[in-house]
Amino acid sequence: MRRIDELTAEINESTLQLQEIKNQMSKQFKEIWKLQCRIDTGKEYDKERYDSLMYKHKLLQMKRRQLITHINHLNKEFYEILI
């Protein structure tokens, strides 16, 4: 029973982290989208800012995938214990 409680707590914590990353990605996407619109219309834009945002966005995507994999593993272990 103790391991189930530990898994539940870890799943909940990971889910909160995943939600936080989702919120950060959403904010970054809005900024990237604004800069992309400027690029598409041929207007001047801050290339360093754009590159920095794209790099940070890719890092968040990797962290998101890592958390999803971790949550899936925890869920699998959780259900194996229940069975």
Protein backbone atom coordinates (compact mmCIF):
# COMPACT_ATOMS: atom_id res chain seq x y z
CA MET A 1 0.00 0.00 0.00
CA ARG A 2 2.91 2.31 0.75
CA ARG A 3 4.31 1.98 -2.79
CA ILE A 4 0.91 2.85 -4.27
CA ASP A 5 0.86 6.05 -2.21
CA GLU A 6 4.40 6.89 -3.36
CA LEU A 7 3.47 6.28 -6.99
CA THR A 8 0.32 8.36 -6.68
CA ALA A 9 2.27 11.26 -5.19
CA GLU A 10 4.94 11.03 -7.90
CA ILE A 11 2.32 10.84 -10.67
CA ASN A 12 0.55 13.90 -9.27
CA GLU A 13 3.83 15.84 -9.00
CA SER A 14 4.83 14.90 -12.54
CA THR A 15 1.40 15.89 -13.82
CA LEU A 16 1.74 19.32 -12.21
CA GLN A 17 5.18 19.74 -13.79
CA LEU A 18 3.70 18.73 -17.13
CA GLN A 19 0.95 21.35 -16.77
CA GLU A 20 3.54 24.01 -15.93
CA ILE A 21 5.56 23.09 -19.02
CA LYS A 22 2.40 23.21 -21.13
CA ASN A 23 1.69 26.74 -19.87
CA GLN A 24 5.26 27.85 -20.61
CA MET A 25 5.10 26.33 -24.08
CA SER A 26 1.83 28.12 -24.76
CA LYS A 27 3.34 31.49 -23.82
CA GLN A 28 6.42 30.82 -25.92
CA PHE A 29 4.32 29.69 -28.86
CA LYS A 30 2.40 32.97 -28.82
CA GLU A 31 5.66 34.93 -28.90
CA ILE A 32 7.09 32.72 -31.65
CA TRP A 33 3.88 33.08 -33.64
CA LYS A 34 4.06 36.90 -33.45
CA LEU A 35 7.66 36.86 -34.65
CA GLN A 36 6.80 34.34 -37.37
CA CYS A 37 4.05 36.66 -38.62
CA ARG A 38 6.62 39.45 -38.86
CA ILE A 39 8.95 37.16 -40.80
CA ASP A 40 6.16 36.05 -43.15
CA THR A 41 5.18 39.64 -43.94
CA GLY A 42 8.80 40.65 -44.52
CA LYS A 43 8.95 43.02 -41.56
CA GLU A 44 12.00 43.48 -39.39
CA TYR A 45 12.33 41.14 -36.43
CA ASP A 46 14.83 40.28 -33.71
CA LYS A 47 16.58 37.18 -35.08
CA GLU A 48 18.41 36.50 -31.80
CA ARG A 49 15.14 36.60 -29.87
CA TYR A 50 13.49 34.29 -32.39
CA ASP A 51 16.37 31.79 -32.30
CA SER A 52 16.43 31.91 -28.50
CA LEU A 53 12.69 31.27 -28.28
CA MET A 54 12.91 28.37 -30.73
CA TYR A 55 15.77 26.81 -28.75
CA LYS A 56 13.91 27.16 -25.44
CA HIS A 57 10.75 25.78 -27.04
CA LYS A 58 12.60 22.69 -28.27
CA LEU A 59 14.06 22.16 -24.80
CA LEU A 60 10.59 22.34 -23.28
CA GLN A 61 9.32 19.86 -25.88
CA MET A 62 12.07 17.43 -24.88
CA LYS A 63 11.27 17.90 -21.18
CA ARG A 64 7.57 17.38 -21.94
CA ARG A 65 8.25 14.11 -23.78
CA GLN A 66 10.49 12.97 -20.94
CA LEU A 67 7.77 13.67 -18.36
CA ILE A 68 5.12 11.90 -20.41
CA THR A 69 7.35 8.83 -20.67
CA HIS A 70 8.00 8.98 -16.93
CA ILE A 71 4.28 9.26 -16.14
CA ASN A 72 3.50 6.34 -18.44
CA HIS A 73 6.12 4.24 -16.67
CA LEU A 74 4.70 5.18 -13.27
CA ASN A 75 1.16 4.35 -14.41
CA LYS A 76 2.32 0.98 -15.70
CA GLU A 77 4.00 0.19 -12.38
CA PHE A 78 0.92 1.40 -10.48
CA TYR A 79 -1.43 -0.90 -12.39
CA GLU A 80 0.97 -3.85 -12.16
CA ILE A 81 0.89 -3.52 -8.37
CA LEU A 82 -2.91 -3.40 -8.36
CA ILE A 83 -3.22 -6.58 -10.39
